[in-house]
Amino acid sequence: MFKFKNFFSDDIGIDLGTANTLVFSKDAGSVVLREPSVVAIQAGSKRVLAVGEKAKEMIGVTPGNILAIRPMKSGVIADFDVTVAMFKYFLGKVCPHRFYSKYMRPRLVIAVP
């Protein structure tokens, strides 16, 4: 049975890997985002400064108050809050113009080894 809300929703698959995160879109039929699983945060406050490729460039060249970390360690989520921030950033990058309400949200499949 066809549901009206499925007409406007996206089907998205996310592979949270230790090194890279991949985002697959059913509409595109392929991987639409491939970025490193790295987040740059401000030490002490855990405020997210950069995610993905921009955060990877900060590894080793940041001042002491900025930490570039990998929230996934050995296939396990090591820092839940930072992983959620990374996840929201990647989802916003894949569908930035979408308006999601209570009834129309993307259907997600998340794979974690």
PDB file of N, CA and C in Angstrom:
ATOM      1  N   MET A   1       0.840  -1.181   0.000  1.00  0.00           N
ATOM      2  CA  MET A   1       0.000   0.000   0.000  1.00  0.00           C
ATOM      3  C   MET A   1       0.886   1.246   0.000  1.00  0.00           C
ATOM      4  N   PHE A   2       0.610   2.165  -0.882  1.00  0.00           N
ATOM      5  CA  PHE A   2       1.376   3.403  -1.003  1.00  0.00           C
ATOM      6  C   PHE A   2       0.947   4.387   0.068  1.00  0.00           C
ATOM      7  N   LYS A   3       1.919   4.913   0.773  1.00  0.00           N
ATOM      8  CA  LYS A   3       1.625   5.927   1.777  1.00  0.00           C
ATOM      9  C   LYS A   3       2.086   7.272   1.256  1.00  0.00           C
ATOM     10  N   PHE A   4       1.259   8.273   1.463  1.00  0.00           N
ATOM     11  CA  PHE A   4       1.555   9.613   0.954  1.00  0.00           C
ATOM     12  C   PHE A   4       2.854  10.157   1.518  1.00  0.00           C
ATOM     13  N   LYS A   5       3.134   9.901   2.802  1.00  0.00           N
ATOM     14  CA  LYS A   5       4.336  10.453   3.416  1.00  0.00           C
ATOM     15  C   LYS A   5       5.605   9.852   2.825  1.00  0.00           C
ATOM     16  N   ASN A   6       5.556   8.628   2.309  1.00  0.00           N
ATOM     17  CA  ASN A   6       6.735   8.019   1.696  1.00  0.00           C
ATOM     18  C   ASN A   6       7.104   8.689   0.379  1.00  0.00           C
ATOM     19  N   PHE A   7       6.173   9.386  -0.226  1.00  0.00           N
ATOM     20  CA  PHE A   7       6.441  10.095  -1.476  1.00  0.00           C
ATOM     21  C   PHE A   7       7.439  11.232  -1.265  1.00  0.00           C
ATOM     22  N   PHE A   8       7.402  11.855  -0.087  1.00  0.00           N
ATOM     23  CA  PHE A   8       8.273  12.988   0.192  1.00  0.00           C
ATOM     24  C   PHE A   8       9.494  12.637   1.039  1.00  0.00           C
ATOM     25  N   SER A   9       9.553  11.444   1.590  1.00  0.00           N
ATOM     26  CA  SER A   9      10.667  11.108   2.467  1.00  0.00           C
ATOM     27  C   SER A   9      11.822  10.492   1.676  1.00  0.00           C
ATOM     28  N   ASP A  10      13.003  10.610   2.243  1.00  0.00           N
ATOM     29  CA  ASP A  10      14.200  10.043   1.640  1.00  0.00           C
ATOM     30  C   ASP A  10      14.522   8.724   2.328  1.00  0.00           C
ATOM     31  N   ASP A  11      15.116   7.812   1.568  1.00  0.00           N
ATOM     32  CA  ASP A  11      15.649   6.581   2.133  1.00  0.00           C
ATOM     33  C   ASP A  11      17.161   6.720   2.129  1.00  0.00           C
ATOM     34  N   ILE A  12      17.764   6.677   3.331  1.00  0.00           N
ATOM     35  CA  ILE A  12      19.188   6.947   3.479  1.00  0.00           C
ATOM     36  C   ILE A  12      19.825   5.835   4.293  1.00  0.00           C
ATOM     37  N   GLY A  13      20.971   5.370   3.840  1.00  0.00           N
ATOM     38  CA  GLY A  13      21.760   4.390   4.570  1.00  0.00           C
ATOM     39  C   GLY A  13      23.064   5.029   5.003  1.00  0.00           C
ATOM     40  N   ILE A  14      23.465   4.824   6.256  1.00  0.00           N
ATOM     41  CA  ILE A  14      24.688   5.436   6.786  1.00  0.00           C
ATOM     42  C   ILE A  14      25.577   4.345   7.352  1.00  0.00           C
ATOM     43  N   ASP A  15      26.827   4.344   6.947  1.00  0.00           N
ATOM     44  CA  ASP A  15      27.826   3.420   7.464  1.00  0.00           C
ATOM     45  C   ASP A  15      28.796   4.221   8.322  1.00  0.00           C
ATOM     46  N   LEU A  16      28.645   4.120   9.643  1.00  0.00           N
ATOM     47  CA  LEU A  16      29.549   4.816  10.560  1.00  0.00           C
ATOM     48  C   LEU A  16      30.791   3.955  10.734  1.00  0.00           C
ATOM     49  N   GLY A  17      31.846   4.309  10.039  1.00  0.00           N
ATOM     50  CA  GLY A  17      33.078   3.545  10.131  1.00  0.00           C
ATOM     51  C   GLY A  17      34.088   4.237  11.020  1.00  0.00           C
ATOM     52  N   THR A  18      35.107   3.491  11.422  1.00  0.00           N
ATOM     53  CA  THR A  18      36.157   4.045  12.266  1.00  0.00           C
ATOM     54  C   THR A  18      36.955   5.102  11.512  1.00  0.00           C
ATOM     55  N   ALA A  19      37.242   4.855  10.246  1.00  0.00           N
ATOM     56  CA  ALA A  19      38.036   5.801   9.454  1.00  0.00           C
ATOM     57  C   ALA A  19      37.164   6.751   8.638  1.00  0.00           C
ATOM     58  N   ASN A  20      36.146   6.224   7.959  1.00  0.00           N
ATOM     59  CA  ASN A  20      35.299   7.031   7.084  1.00  0.00           C
ATOM     60  C   ASN A  20      33.831   6.737   7.337  1.00  0.00           C
ATOM     61  N   THR A  21      33.001   7.733   7.066  1.00  0.00           N
ATOM     62  CA  THR A  21      31.552   7.571   7.125  1.00  0.00           C
ATOM     63  C   THR A  21      31.018   7.696   5.714  1.00  0.00           C
ATOM     64  N   LEU A  22      30.172   6.740   5.330  1.00  0.00           N
ATOM     65  CA  LEU A  22      29.564   6.742   4.004  1.00  0.00           C
ATOM     66  C   LEU A  22      28.066   6.949   4.147  1.00  0.00           C
ATOM     67  N   VAL A  23      27.503   7.756   3.259  1.00  0.00           N
ATOM     68  CA  VAL A  23      26.057   7.991   3.247  1.00  0.00           C
ATOM     69  C   VAL A  23      25.549   7.625   1.864  1.00  0.00           C
ATOM     70  N   PHE A  24      24.579   6.714   1.830  1.00  0.00           N
ATOM     71  CA  PHE A  24      23.974   6.233   0.596  1.00  0.00           C
ATOM     72  C   PHE A  24      22.559   6.762   0.498  1.00  0.00           C
ATOM     73  N   SER A  25      22.191   7.253  -0.671  1.00  0.00           N
ATOM     74  CA  SER A  25      20.831   7.737  -0.897  1.00  0.00           C
ATOM     75  C   SER A  25      20.160   6.856  -1.937  1.00  0.00           C
ATOM     76  N   LYS A  26      18.968   6.374  -1.614  1.00  0.00           N
ATOM     77  CA  LYS A  26      18.232   5.532  -2.556  1.00  0.00           C
ATOM     78  C   LYS A  26      17.833   6.315  -3.793  1.00  0.00           C
ATOM     79  N   ASP A  27      17.504   7.601  -3.608  1.00  0.00           N
ATOM     80  CA  ASP A  27      17.118   8.436  -4.753  1.00  0.00           C
ATOM     81  C   ASP A  27      18.267   8.585  -5.743  1.00  0.00           C
ATOM     82  N   ALA A  28      19.483   8.793  -5.238  1.00  0.00           N
ATOM     83  CA  ALA A  28      20.640   8.938  -6.112  1.00  0.00           C
ATOM     84  C   ALA A  28      21.133   7.589  -6.606  1.00  0.00           C
ATOM     85  N   GLY A  29      20.884   6.540  -5.819  1.00  0.00           N
ATOM     86  CA  GLY A  29      21.303   5.206  -6.225  1.00  0.00           C
ATOM     87  C   GLY A  29      22.777   4.929  -5.983  1.00  0.00           C
ATOM     88  N   SER A  30      23.431   5.765  -5.188  1.00  0.00           N
ATOM     89  CA  SER A  30      24.853   5.561  -4.927  1.00  0.00           C
ATOM     90  C   SER A  30      25.250   6.282  -3.643  1.00  0.00           C
ATOM     91  N   VAL A  31      26.530   6.170  -3.331  1.00  0.00           N
ATOM     92  CA  VAL A  31      27.075   6.868  -2.171  1.00  0.00           C
ATOM     93  C   VAL A  31      27.143   8.354  -2.500  1.00  0.00           C
ATOM     94  N   VAL A  32      26.513   9.185  -1.677  1.00  0.00           N
ATOM     95  CA  VAL A  32      26.465  10.618  -1.935  1.00  0.00           C
ATOM     96  C   VAL A  32      27.427  11.399  -1.049  1.00  0.00           C
ATOM     97  N   LEU A  33      27.962  10.735  -0.014  1.00  0.00           N
ATOM     98  CA  LEU A  33      28.886  11.420   0.880  1.00  0.00           C
ATOM     99  C   LEU A  33      29.894  10.408   1.421  1.00  0.00           C
ATOM    100  N   ARG A  34      31.156  10.742   1.324  1.00  0.00           N
ATOM    101  CA  ARG A  34      32.234   9.916   1.861  1.00  0.00           C
ATOM    102  C   ARG A  34      33.208  10.874   2.539  1.00  0.00           C
ATOM    103  N   GLU A  35      33.160  10.897   3.880  1.00  0.00           N
ATOM    104  CA  GLU A  35      34.001  11.828   4.643  1.00  0.00           C
ATOM    105  C   GLU A  35      34.666  11.095   5.793  1.00  0.00           C
ATOM    106  N   PRO A  36      35.807  11.608   6.247  1.00  0.00           N
ATOM    107  CA  PRO A  36      36.465  11.005   7.403  1.00  0.00           C
ATOM    108  C   PRO A  36      35.618  11.156   8.664  1.00  0.00           C
ATOM    109  N   SER A  37      35.694  10.159   9.533  1.00  0.00           N
ATOM    110  CA  SER A  37      34.969  10.187  10.804  1.00  0.00           C
ATOM    111  C   SER A  37      35.808  10.922  11.844  1.00  0.00           C
ATOM    112  N   VAL A  38      35.946  12.223  11.654  1.00  0.00           N
ATOM    113  CA  VAL A  38      36.756  13.064  12.540  1.00  0.00           C
ATOM    114  C   VAL A  38      35.943  14.298  12.899  1.00  0.00           C
ATOM    115  N   VAL A  39      36.032  14.698  14.172  1.00  0.00           N
ATOM    116  CA  VAL A  39      35.334  15.888  14.649  1.00  0.00           C
ATOM    117  C   VAL A  39      36.326  16.743  15.422  1.00  0.00           C
ATOM    118  N   ALA A  40      36.373  18.042  15.127  1.00  0.00           N
ATOM    119  CA  ALA A  40      37.208  18.990  15.871  1.00  0.00           C
ATOM    120  C   ALA A  40      36.331  19.672  16.902  1.00  0.00           C
ATOM    121  N   ILE A  41      36.726  19.558  18.177  1.00  0.00           N
ATOM    122  CA  ILE A  41      35.947  20.158  19.257  1.00  0.00           C
ATOM    123  C   ILE A  41      36.826  21.088  20.075  1.00  0.00           C
ATOM    124  N   GLN A  42      36.188  22.006  20.752  1.00  0.00           N
ATOM    125  CA  GLN A  42      36.899  22.905  21.651  1.00  0.00           C
ATOM    126  C   GLN A  42      37.030  22.202  22.997  1.00  0.00           C
ATOM    127  N   ALA A  43      38.257  22.125  23.491  1.00  0.00           N
ATOM    128  CA  ALA A  43      38.512  21.430  24.755  1.00  0.00           C
ATOM    129  C   ALA A  43      37.771  22.118  25.891  1.00  0.00           C
ATOM    130  N   GLY A  44      37.232  21.320  26.779  1.00  0.00           N
ATOM    131  CA  GLY A  44      36.508  21.862  27.924  1.00  0.00           C
ATOM    132  C   GLY A  44      35.025  21.995  27.685  1.00  0.00           C
ATOM    133  N   SER A  45      34.626  22.617  26.584  1.00  0.00           N
ATOM    134  CA  SER A  45      33.198  22.841  26.337  1.00  0.00           C
ATOM    135  C   SER A  45      32.588  21.802  25.407  1.00  0.00           C
ATOM    136  N   LYS A  46      33.399  21.062  24.692  1.00  0.00           N
ATOM    137  CA  LYS A  46      32.947  20.082  23.697  1.00  0.00           C
ATOM    138  C   LYS A  46      32.094  20.718  22.608  1.00  0.00           C
ATOM    139  N   ARG A  47      32.347  21.976  22.309  1.00  0.00           N
ATOM    140  CA  ARG A  47      31.648  22.652  21.214  1.00  0.00           C
ATOM    141  C   ARG A  47      32.265  22.195  19.900  1.00  0.00           C
ATOM    142  N   VAL A  48      31.436  21.761  18.962  1.00  0.00           N
ATOM    143  CA  VAL A  48      31.912  21.242  17.681  1.00  0.00           C
ATOM    144  C   VAL A  48      32.333  22.408  16.795  1.00  0.00           C
ATOM    145  N   LEU A  49      33.574  22.343  16.292  1.00  0.00           N
ATOM    146  CA  LEU A  49      34.107  23.403  15.435  1.00  0.00           C
ATOM    147  C   LEU A  49      34.143  22.992  13.964  1.00  0.00           C
ATOM    148  N   ALA A  50      34.446  21.724  13.705  1.00  0.00           N
ATOM    149  CA  ALA A  50      34.511  21.237  12.325  1.00  0.00           C
ATOM    150  C   ALA A  50      34.253  19.738  12.322  1.00  0.00           C
ATOM    151  N   VAL A  51      33.765  19.247  11.181  1.00  0.00           N
ATOM    152  CA  VAL A  51      33.451  17.831  11.035  1.00  0.00           C
ATOM    153  C   VAL A  51      33.952  17.366   9.681  1.00  0.00           C
ATOM    154  N   GLY A  52      34.386  16.114   9.607  1.00  0.00           N
ATOM    155  CA  GLY A  52      34.758  15.505   8.334  1.00  0.00           C
ATOM    156  C   GLY A  52      36.109  15.939   7.818  1.00  0.00           C
ATOM    157  N   GLU A  53      36.144  16.321   6.548  1.00  0.00           N
ATOM    158  CA  GLU A  53      37.403  16.678   5.878  1.00  0.00           C
ATOM    159  C   GLU A  53      38.079  17.882   6.533  1.00  0.00           C
ATOM    160  N   LYS A  54      37.291  18.882   6.915  1.00  0.00           N
ATOM    161  CA  LYS A  54      37.869  20.065   7.563  1.00  0.00           C
ATOM    162  C   LYS A  54      38.495  19.713   8.902  1.00  0.00           C
ATOM    163  N   ALA A  55      37.865  18.814   9.649  1.00  0.00           N
ATOM    164  CA  ALA A  55      38.413  18.395  10.944  1.00  0.00           C
ATOM    165  C   ALA A  55      39.661  17.540  10.756  1.00  0.00           C
ATOM    166  N   LYS A  56      39.699  16.730   9.706  1.00  0.00           N
ATOM    167  CA  LYS A  56      40.874  15.887   9.450  1.00  0.00           C
ATOM    168  C   LYS A  56      42.096  16.741   9.143  1.00  0.00           C
ATOM    169  N   GLU A  57      41.886  17.860   8.461  1.00  0.00           N
ATOM    170  CA  GLU A  57      42.991  18.771   8.164  1.00  0.00           C
ATOM    171  C   GLU A  57      43.557  19.403   9.432  1.00  0.00           C
ATOM    172  N   MET A  58      42.772  19.426  10.509  1.00  0.00           N
ATOM    173  CA  MET A  58      43.207  20.036  11.765  1.00  0.00           C
ATOM    174  C   MET A  58      44.061  19.099  12.627  1.00  0.00           C
ATOM    175  N   ILE A  59      44.097  17.812  12.293  1.00  0.00           N
ATOM    176  CA  ILE A  59      44.853  16.858  13.106  1.00  0.00           C
ATOM    177  C   ILE A  59      46.329  17.228  13.085  1.00  0.00           C
ATOM    178  N   GLY A  60      46.886  17.459  14.243  1.00  0.00           N
ATOM    179  CA  GLY A  60      48.309  17.753  14.377  1.00  0.00           C
ATOM    180  C   GLY A  60      48.700  19.206  14.186  1.00  0.00           C
ATOM    181  N   VAL A  61      47.793  20.054  13.706  1.00  0.00           N
ATOM    182  CA  VAL A  61      48.149  21.450  13.453  1.00  0.00           C
ATOM    183  C   VAL A  61      47.262  22.428  14.226  1.00  0.00           C
ATOM    184  N   THR A  62      46.519  21.924  15.189  1.00  0.00           N
ATOM    185  CA  THR A  62      45.615  22.785  15.934  1.00  0.00           C
ATOM    186  C   THR A  62      46.266  23.245  17.236  1.00  0.00           C
ATOM    187  N   PRO A  63      45.837  24.388  17.757  1.00  0.00           N
ATOM    188  CA  PRO A  63      46.335  24.816  19.069  1.00  0.00           C
ATOM    189  C   PRO A  63      45.832  23.885  20.164  1.00  0.00           C
ATOM    190  N   GLY A  64      46.320  24.063  21.368  1.00  0.00           N
ATOM    191  CA  GLY A  64      45.999  23.177  22.469  1.00  0.00           C
ATOM    192  C   GLY A  64      44.549  23.161  22.888  1.00  0.00           C
ATOM    193  N   ASN A  65      43.809  24.223  22.606  1.00  0.00           N
ATOM    194  CA  ASN A  65      42.408  24.256  23.030  1.00  0.00           C
ATOM    195  C   ASN A  65      41.451  23.636  22.013  1.00  0.00           C
ATOM    196  N   ILE A  66      41.950  23.161  20.880  1.00  0.00           N
ATOM    197  CA  ILE A  66      41.124  22.499  19.872  1.00  0.00           C
ATOM    198  C   ILE A  66      41.622  21.065  19.712  1.00  0.00           C
ATOM    199  N   LEU A  67      40.703  20.113  19.864  1.00  0.00           N
ATOM    200  CA  LEU A  67      41.041  18.708  19.740  1.00  0.00           C
ATOM    201  C   LEU A  67      40.361  18.119  18.518  1.00  0.00           C
ATOM    202  N   ALA A  68      41.131  17.455  17.658  1.00  0.00           N
ATOM    203  CA  ALA A  68      40.562  16.727  16.529  1.00  0.00           C
ATOM    204  C   ALA A  68      40.522  15.264  16.941  1.00  0.00           C
ATOM    205  N   ILE A  69      39.307  14.740  17.138  1.00  0.00           N
ATOM    206  CA  ILE A  69      39.158  13.381  17.642  1.00  0.00           C
ATOM    207  C   ILE A  69      38.359  12.517  16.680  1.00  0.00           C
ATOM    208  N   ARG A  70      38.494  11.221  16.847  1.00  0.00           N
ATOM    209  CA  ARG A  70      37.693  10.240  16.122  1.00  0.00           C
ATOM    210  C   ARG A  70      36.698   9.646  17.122  1.00  0.00           C
ATOM    211  N   PRO A  71      35.406   9.916  16.958  1.00  0.00           N
ATOM    212  CA  PRO A  71      34.433   9.420  17.930  1.00  0.00           C
ATOM    213  C   PRO A  71      34.185   7.917  17.846  1.00  0.00           C
ATOM    214  N   MET A  72      34.675   7.281  16.789  1.00  0.00           N
ATOM    215  CA  MET A  72      34.543   5.830  16.637  1.00  0.00           C
ATOM    216  C   MET A  72      35.917   5.208  16.852  1.00  0.00           C
ATOM    217  N   LYS A  73      35.997   4.244  17.744  1.00  0.00           N
ATOM    218  CA  LYS A  73      37.254   3.558  18.023  1.00  0.00           C
ATOM    219  C   LYS A  73      37.032   2.059  17.879  1.00  0.00           C
ATOM    220  N   SER A  74      37.772   1.423  16.992  1.00  0.00           N
ATOM    221  CA  SER A  74      37.689  -0.029  16.755  1.00  0.00           C
ATOM    222  C   SER A  74      36.263  -0.477  16.434  1.00  0.00           C
ATOM    223  N   GLY A  75      35.540   0.326  15.680  1.00  0.00           N
ATOM    224  CA  GLY A  75      34.185  -0.024  15.275  1.00  0.00           C
ATOM    225  C   GLY A  75      33.133   0.202  16.338  1.00  0.00           C
ATOM    226  N   VAL A  76      33.500   0.855  17.445  1.00  0.00           N
ATOM    227  CA  VAL A  76      32.575   1.094  18.546  1.00  0.00           C
ATOM    228  C   VAL A  76      32.452   2.597  18.762  1.00  0.00           C
ATOM    229  N   ILE A  77      31.254   3.057  19.091  1.00  0.00           N
ATOM    230  CA  ILE A  77      31.064   4.472  19.383  1.00  0.00           C
ATOM    231  C   ILE A  77      31.730   4.775  20.722  1.00  0.00           C
ATOM    232  N   ALA A  78      32.795   5.586  20.683  1.00  0.00           N
ATOM    233  CA  ALA A  78      33.547   5.916  21.892  1.00  0.00           C
ATOM    234  C   ALA A  78      32.982   7.153  22.591  1.00  0.00           C
ATOM    235  N   ASP A  79      32.513   8.126  21.832  1.00  0.00           N
ATOM    236  CA  ASP A  79      31.943   9.349  22.408  1.00  0.00           C
ATOM    237  C   ASP A  79      30.588   9.585  21.749  1.00  0.00           C
ATOM    238  N   PHE A  80      29.534   9.288  22.476  1.00  0.00           N
ATOM    239  CA  PHE A  80      28.187   9.328  21.911  1.00  0.00           C
ATOM    240  C   PHE A  80      27.782  10.732  21.475  1.00  0.00           C
ATOM    241  N   ASP A  81      28.011  11.740  22.309  1.00  0.00           N
ATOM    242  CA  ASP A  81      27.587  13.105  21.990  1.00  0.00           C
ATOM    243  C   ASP A  81      28.278  13.642  20.747  1.00  0.00           C
ATOM    244  N   VAL A  82      29.554  13.372  20.604  1.00  0.00           N
ATOM    245  CA  VAL A  82      30.299  13.832  19.427  1.00  0.00           C
ATOM    246  C   VAL A  82      29.846  13.064  18.189  1.00  0.00           C
ATOM    247  N   THR A  83      29.519  11.784  18.339  1.00  0.00           N
ATOM    248  CA  THR A  83      29.010  10.997  17.210  1.00  0.00           C
ATOM    249  C   THR A  83      27.666  11.525  16.741  1.00  0.00           C
ATOM    250  N   VAL A  84      26.816  11.926  17.658  1.00  0.00           N
ATOM    251  CA  VAL A  84      25.514  12.507  17.294  1.00  0.00           C
ATOM    252  C   VAL A  84      25.711  13.815  16.530  1.00  0.00           C
ATOM    253  N   ALA A  85      26.650  14.652  16.969  1.00  0.00           N
ATOM    254  CA  ALA A  85      26.934  15.908  16.265  1.00  0.00           C
ATOM    255  C   ALA A  85      27.451  15.629  14.858  1.00  0.00           C
ATOM    256  N   MET A  86      28.319  14.631  14.725  1.00  0.00           N
ATOM    257  CA  MET A  86      28.850  14.255  13.409  1.00  0.00           C
ATOM    258  C   MET A  86      27.723  13.729  12.520  1.00  0.00           C
ATOM    259  N   PHE A  87      26.866  12.904  13.085  1.00  0.00           N
ATOM    260  CA  PHE A  87      25.742  12.344  12.359  1.00  0.00           C
ATOM    261  C   PHE A  87      24.800  13.436  11.855  1.00  0.00           C
ATOM    262  N   LYS A  88      24.457  14.396  12.705  1.00  0.00           N
ATOM    263  CA  LYS A  88      23.578  15.503  12.307  1.00  0.00           C
ATOM    264  C   LYS A  88      24.212  16.349  11.199  1.00  0.00           C
ATOM    265  N   TYR A  89      25.523  16.566  11.292  1.00  0.00           N
ATOM    266  CA  TYR A  89      26.211  17.347  10.269  1.00  0.00           C
ATOM    267  C   TYR A  89      26.133  16.647   8.914  1.00  0.00           C
ATOM    268  N   PHE A  90      26.419  15.339   8.899  1.00  0.00           N
ATOM    269  CA  PHE A  90      26.392  14.595   7.637  1.00  0.00           C
ATOM    270  C   PHE A  90      24.978  14.521   7.071  1.00  0.00           C
ATOM    271  N   LEU A  91      23.986  14.332   7.910  1.00  0.00           N
ATOM    272  CA  LEU A  91      22.604  14.279   7.442  1.00  0.00           C
ATOM    273  C   LEU A  91      22.169  15.631   6.878  1.00  0.00           C
ATOM    274  N   GLY A  92      22.568  16.715   7.529  1.00  0.00           N
ATOM    275  CA  GLY A  92      22.260  18.051   7.023  1.00  0.00           C
ATOM    276  C   GLY A  92      22.959  18.367   5.720  1.00  0.00           C
ATOM    277  N   LYS A  93      24.132  17.767   5.524  1.00  0.00           N
ATOM    278  CA  LYS A  93      24.867  17.990   4.281  1.00  0.00           C
ATOM    279  C   LYS A  93      24.243  17.236   3.114  1.00  0.00           C
ATOM    280  N   VAL A  94      23.664  16.075   3.387  1.00  0.00           N
ATOM    281  CA  VAL A  94      23.053  15.268   2.335  1.00  0.00           C
ATOM    282  C   VAL A  94      21.708  15.847   1.903  1.00  0.00           C
ATOM    283  N   CYS A  95      20.895  16.305   2.857  1.00  0.00           N
ATOM    284  CA  CYS A  95      19.594  16.888   2.511  1.00  0.00           C
ATOM    285  C   CYS A  95      19.427  18.223   3.218  1.00  0.00           C
ATOM    286  N   PRO A  96      20.109  19.274   2.743  1.00  0.00           N
ATOM    287  CA  PRO A  96      20.073  20.571   3.423  1.00  0.00           C
ATOM    288  C   PRO A  96      18.788  21.353   3.219  1.00  0.00           C
ATOM    289  N   HIS A  97      18.116  21.158   2.111  1.00  0.00           N
ATOM    290  CA  HIS A  97      16.956  21.977   1.783  1.00  0.00           C
ATOM    291  C   HIS A  97      15.639  21.353   2.218  1.00  0.00           C
ATOM    292  N   ARG A  98      15.709  20.167   2.773  1.00  0.00           N
ATOM    293  CA  ARG A  98      14.492  19.462   3.144  1.00  0.00           C
ATOM    294  C   ARG A  98      13.890  20.016   4.424  1.00  0.00           C
ATOM    295  N   PHE A  99      12.569  20.049   4.455  1.00  0.00           N
ATOM    296  CA  PHE A  99      11.842  20.396   5.674  1.00  0.00           C
ATOM    297  C   PHE A  99      11.229  19.104   6.205  1.00  0.00           C
ATOM    298  N   TYR A 100      11.661  18.700   7.378  1.00  0.00           N
ATOM    299  CA  TYR A 100      11.134  17.483   7.968  1.00  0.00           C
ATOM    300  C   TYR A 100      10.223  17.826   9.134  1.00  0.00           C
ATOM    301  N   SER A 101       9.063  17.246   9.114  1.00  0.00           N
ATOM    302  CA  SER A 101       8.109  17.457  10.194  1.00  0.00           C
ATOM    303  C   SER A 101       7.921  16.144  10.936  1.00  0.00           C
ATOM    304  N   LYS A 102       6.944  16.117  11.792  1.00  0.00           N
ATOM    305  CA  LYS A 102       6.657  14.909  12.554  1.00  0.00           C
ATOM    306  C   LYS A 102       6.275  13.756  11.635  1.00  0.00           C
ATOM    307  N   TYR A 103       5.677  14.054  10.512  1.00  0.00           N
ATOM    308  CA  TYR A 103       5.157  13.011   9.633  1.00  0.00           C
ATOM    309  C   TYR A 103       6.050  12.722   8.432  1.00  0.00           C
ATOM    310  N   MET A 104       6.920  13.632   8.083  1.00  0.00           N
ATOM    311  CA  MET A 104       7.780  13.417   6.920  1.00  0.00           C
ATOM    312  C   MET A 104       9.238  13.531   7.339  1.00  0.00           C
ATOM    313  N   ARG A 105       9.865  12.415   7.608  1.00  0.00           N
ATOM    314  CA  ARG A 105      11.268  12.348   7.986  1.00  0.00           C
ATOM    315  C   ARG A 105      11.945  11.319   7.098  1.00  0.00           C
ATOM    316  N   PRO A 106      13.266  11.408   6.972  1.00  0.00           N
ATOM    317  CA  PRO A 106      13.948  10.385   6.178  1.00  0.00           C
ATOM    318  C   PRO A 106      13.914   9.047   6.909  1.00  0.00           C
ATOM    319  N   ARG A 107      13.830   7.985   6.132  1.00  0.00           N
ATOM    320  CA  ARG A 107      13.959   6.645   6.713  1.00  0.00           C
ATOM    321  C   ARG A 107      15.447   6.310   6.676  1.00  0.00           C
ATOM    322  N   LEU A 108      15.979   5.919   7.818  1.00  0.00           N
ATOM    323  CA  LEU A 108      17.412   5.697   7.950  1.00  0.00           C
ATOM    324  C   LEU A 108      17.727   4.263   8.323  1.00  0.00           C
ATOM    325  N   VAL A 109      18.845   3.800   7.774  1.00  0.00           N
ATOM    326  CA  VAL A 109      19.452   2.547   8.184  1.00  0.00           C
ATOM    327  C   VAL A 109      20.877   2.902   8.537  1.00  0.00           C
ATOM    328  N   ILE A 110      21.283   2.582   9.775  1.00  0.00           N
ATOM    329  CA  ILE A 110      22.625   2.923  10.227  1.00  0.00           C
ATOM    330  C   ILE A 110      23.377   1.631  10.519  1.00  0.00           C
ATOM    331  N   ALA A 111      24.548   1.491   9.927  1.00  0.00           N
ATOM    332  CA  ALA A 111      25.375   0.309  10.132  1.00  0.00           C
ATOM    333  C   ALA A 111      26.605   0.671  10.953  1.00  0.00           C
ATOM    334  N   VAL A 112      26.791  -0.039  12.039  1.00  0.00           N
ATOM    335  CA  VAL A 112      27.974   0.115  12.872  1.00  0.00           C
ATOM    336  C   VAL A 112      28.556  -1.275  13.050  1.00  0.00           C
ATOM    337  N   PRO A 113      29.836  -1.485  12.716  1.00  0.00           N
ATOM    338  CA  PRO A 113      30.400  -2.845  12.832  1.00  0.00           C
ATOM    339  C   PRO A 113      30.503  -3.298  14.278  1.00  0.00           C
TER     340      PRO A 113
END
